[in-house]
Amino acid sequence: MWYDRFDTPIGPLTVATDVDGLRHVLFATNRHEVHGQAAWLHSPGRLAEARRQLMEYFAGERRTFELPLKPAGTAFQLKAWWALAEIPYGETRSYAEQAQRIGAPDAVRAVGAANGRNPLPIVLPCHRVIGADGGLTGFGGGLPIKAALLRLEGALAPAEVAPKTGDLFG
């Protein structure tokens, strides 16, 4: 596994890939531990395209990603994660809507758990999934980062749910 780490408007990100595709996008602090990181090799060149596309996203110049992706998870997790890619930039869905879209309308909590383990946040945009009442709920990078990403995309007004650490996008 090869990785690169770089600064972004939401803090440092670490991206990791293997020969099959992008495996991880990690925040400075993550809810779930990723095993085996000590064996990863630093290789900015192998991840230059992922870095470029993520930085274009943060600059407001990119709305979708064109990267080979290879998240590892259960069949249900993969189904939930691929459904995230179908949520358009600047829009949100509830967990219930996501569960319905994958054909599992009674699996709202399971969808939430799967989203919480999404190894490719931002690229597979789990930040676009919100509570049924429109409130921000769970996000591996923390709610201030979720709010900042939604504000960047115009899905959250600047005055809504201001992050506790300040407005990450001015």
Protein backbone atom coordinates (compact mmCIF):
# COMPACT_ATOMS: atom_id res chain seq x y z
CA MET A 1 0.00 0.00 0.00
CA TRP A 2 1.29 3.45 -0.92
CA TYR A 3 0.22 6.69 0.71
CA ASP A 4 0.54 10.44 0.60
CA ARG A 5 -0.41 13.04 3.20
CA PHE A 6 -1.17 16.67 2.37
CA ASP A 7 -2.82 19.75 3.81
CA THR A 8 -6.32 20.77 2.77
CA PRO A 9 -8.79 23.42 3.96
CA ILE A 10 -10.28 20.82 6.35
CA GLY A 11 -6.92 19.73 7.73
CA PRO A 12 -4.43 17.09 6.62
CA LEU A 13 -5.67 14.17 4.55
CA THR A 14 -3.92 10.86 4.00
CA VAL A 15 -4.76 8.94 0.84
CA ALA A 16 -3.68 5.36 0.22
CA THR A 17 -3.74 3.12 -2.81
CA ASP A 18 -2.61 -0.28 -3.97
CA VAL A 19 -2.36 -1.65 -7.50
CA ASP A 20 -6.15 -2.04 -7.71
CA GLY A 21 -7.19 1.49 -6.78
CA LEU A 22 -7.71 4.06 -4.06
CA ARG A 23 -8.33 2.32 -0.72
CA HIS A 24 -8.41 5.09 1.89
CA VAL A 25 -9.02 8.78 2.45
CA LEU A 26 -8.19 9.50 6.09
CA PHE A 27 -8.73 12.61 8.17
CA ALA A 28 -6.29 13.81 10.83
CA THR A 29 -8.57 12.05 13.34
CA ASN A 30 -10.69 9.08 12.32
CA ARG A 31 -13.43 7.29 14.20
CA HIS A 32 -12.16 3.84 13.17
CA GLU A 33 -8.57 2.64 13.20
CA VAL A 34 -6.95 1.49 9.96
CA HIS A 35 -4.68 -1.47 10.53
CA GLY A 36 -1.33 -1.95 8.81
CA GLN A 37 -0.51 1.72 8.26
CA ALA A 38 3.01 1.24 9.63
CA ALA A 39 3.82 -0.86 6.57
CA TRP A 40 2.54 1.70 4.05
CA LEU A 41 5.15 3.29 1.78
CA HIS A 42 5.19 7.05 1.20
CA SER A 43 4.77 7.58 -2.53
CA PRO A 44 3.38 11.01 -3.49
CA GLY A 45 3.88 10.25 -7.19
CA ARG A 46 1.53 7.26 -7.12
CA LEU A 47 -1.14 9.42 -5.51
CA ALA A 48 -0.61 12.65 -7.46
CA GLU A 49 -3.89 12.28 -9.36
CA ALA A 50 -5.91 11.66 -6.19
CA ARG A 51 -4.29 14.66 -4.56
CA ARG A 52 -4.92 16.85 -7.63
CA GLN A 53 -8.59 15.88 -7.81
CA LEU A 54 -9.16 16.39 -4.08
CA MET A 55 -7.53 19.81 -4.19
CA GLU A 56 -9.68 20.73 -7.22
CA TYR A 57 -12.72 19.69 -5.17
CA PHE A 58 -11.67 21.94 -2.29
CA ALA A 59 -11.10 24.81 -4.74
CA GLY A 60 -14.67 24.38 -6.04
CA GLU A 61 -13.41 23.23 -9.45
CA ARG A 62 -14.46 19.56 -9.25
CA ARG A 63 -17.81 18.00 -8.46
CA THR A 64 -17.12 14.33 -9.20
CA PHE A 65 -14.04 12.16 -8.95
CA GLU A 66 -12.52 10.09 -11.71
CA LEU A 67 -10.27 7.72 -9.82
CA PRO A 68 -9.98 3.94 -9.69
CA LEU A 69 -11.58 3.00 -6.37
CA LYS A 70 -11.19 -0.24 -4.46
CA PRO A 71 -12.82 0.04 -1.03
CA ALA A 72 -12.76 -3.15 1.03
CA GLY A 73 -15.91 -4.10 2.92
CA THR A 74 -18.83 -6.47 3.15
CA ALA A 75 -21.26 -6.84 0.25
CA PHE A 76 -23.77 -4.65 2.12
CA GLN A 77 -21.17 -1.97 2.89
CA LEU A 78 -20.04 -1.87 -0.74
CA LYS A 79 -23.65 -1.50 -1.90
CA ALA A 80 -24.17 1.39 0.54
CA TRP A 81 -20.86 3.04 -0.42
CA TRP A 82 -21.45 2.84 -4.18
CA ALA A 83 -24.88 4.42 -3.62
CA LEU A 84 -23.12 7.41 -2.07
CA ALA A 85 -21.48 8.15 -5.43
CA GLU A 86 -24.97 8.67 -6.89
CA ILE A 87 -25.79 11.59 -4.59
CA PRO A 88 -25.18 14.71 -6.69
CA TYR A 89 -22.82 17.45 -5.57
CA GLY A 90 -24.67 20.04 -3.52
CA GLU A 91 -27.53 17.69 -2.60
CA THR A 92 -28.23 15.59 0.46
CA ARG A 93 -30.15 12.40 1.19
CA SER A 94 -31.43 10.95 4.43
CA TYR A 95 -30.25 7.58 5.67
CA ALA A 96 -33.77 6.28 4.97
CA GLU A 97 -33.57 7.50 1.36
CA GLN A 98 -30.19 5.81 0.94
CA ALA A 99 -31.57 2.57 2.43
CA GLN A 100 -34.48 2.67 -0.03
CA ARG A 101 -32.18 3.35 -2.97
CA ILE A 102 -30.17 0.22 -2.24
CA GLY A 103 -33.33 -1.87 -1.87
CA ALA A 104 -33.13 -2.24 1.91
CA PRO A 105 -35.74 0.17 3.29
CA ASP A 106 -35.68 -1.43 6.76
CA ALA A 107 -31.89 -1.19 7.03
CA VAL A 108 -31.58 2.50 7.94
CA ARG A 109 -29.31 1.82 10.93
CA ALA A 110 -27.20 -0.61 8.91
CA VAL A 111 -26.78 2.04 6.22
CA GLY A 112 -25.67 4.50 8.90
CA ALA A 113 -23.17 1.97 10.24
CA ALA A 114 -21.86 1.26 6.73
CA ASN A 115 -21.49 4.97 6.01
CA GLY A 116 -19.60 5.33 9.28
CA ARG A 117 -17.04 2.82 7.99
CA ASN A 118 -16.71 4.37 4.52
CA PRO A 119 -12.97 4.20 3.74
CA LEU A 120 -13.24 6.81 0.98
CA PRO A 121 -15.04 9.83 2.46
CA ILE A 122 -15.34 12.86 0.21
CA VAL A 123 -14.72 10.68 -2.88
CA LEU A 124 -17.69 8.48 -1.91
CA PRO A 125 -19.55 11.38 -0.30
CA CYS A 126 -21.03 10.08 2.95
CA HIS A 127 -21.06 13.70 4.17
CA ARG A 128 -24.10 14.18 1.91
CA VAL A 129 -26.19 11.83 4.06
CA ILE A 130 -28.05 13.60 6.86
CA GLY A 131 -30.70 12.84 9.44
CA ALA A 132 -34.38 12.57 8.47
CA ASP A 133 -34.99 15.91 10.21
CA GLY A 134 -32.30 17.59 8.11
CA GLY A 135 -29.80 17.63 10.97
CA LEU A 136 -26.20 16.64 10.68
CA THR A 137 -25.46 13.27 12.22
CA GLY A 138 -22.36 11.11 12.51
CA PHE A 139 -19.31 11.57 10.34
CA GLY A 140 -15.93 9.88 10.65
CA GLY A 141 -14.08 13.18 10.32
CA GLY A 142 -16.35 14.95 12.83
CA LEU A 143 -19.42 17.13 12.39
CA PRO A 144 -17.47 20.39 11.84
CA ILE A 145 -15.80 18.83 8.79
CA LYS A 146 -19.13 17.43 7.54
CA ALA A 147 -20.64 20.92 7.86
CA ALA A 148 -17.67 22.48 6.07
CA LEU A 149 -17.97 20.04 3.15
CA LEU A 150 -21.71 20.66 2.84
CA ARG A 151 -21.12 24.44 2.93
CA LEU A 152 -18.45 24.09 0.25
CA GLU A 153 -20.99 22.32 -1.95
CA GLY A 154 -23.74 24.83 -1.18
CA ALA A 155 -25.92 22.23 0.56
CA LEU A 156 -25.65 24.04 3.90
CA ALA A 157 -25.98 27.78 4.38
CA PRO A 158 -22.93 29.45 5.99
CA ALA A 159 -24.90 30.28 9.16
CA GLU A 160 -26.18 26.72 9.64
CA VAL A 161 -24.34 24.43 12.06
CA ALA A 162 -21.16 26.45 12.37
CA PRO A 163 -18.27 24.19 13.36
CA LYS A 164 -16.99 24.54 16.89
CA THR A 165 -13.47 25.23 15.64
CA GLY A 166 -14.41 28.12 13.38
CA ASP A 167 -15.61 28.40 9.82
CA LEU A 168 -13.27 26.23 7.78
CA PHE A 169 -14.26 27.87 4.51
CA GLY A 170 -14.46 31.51 5.62
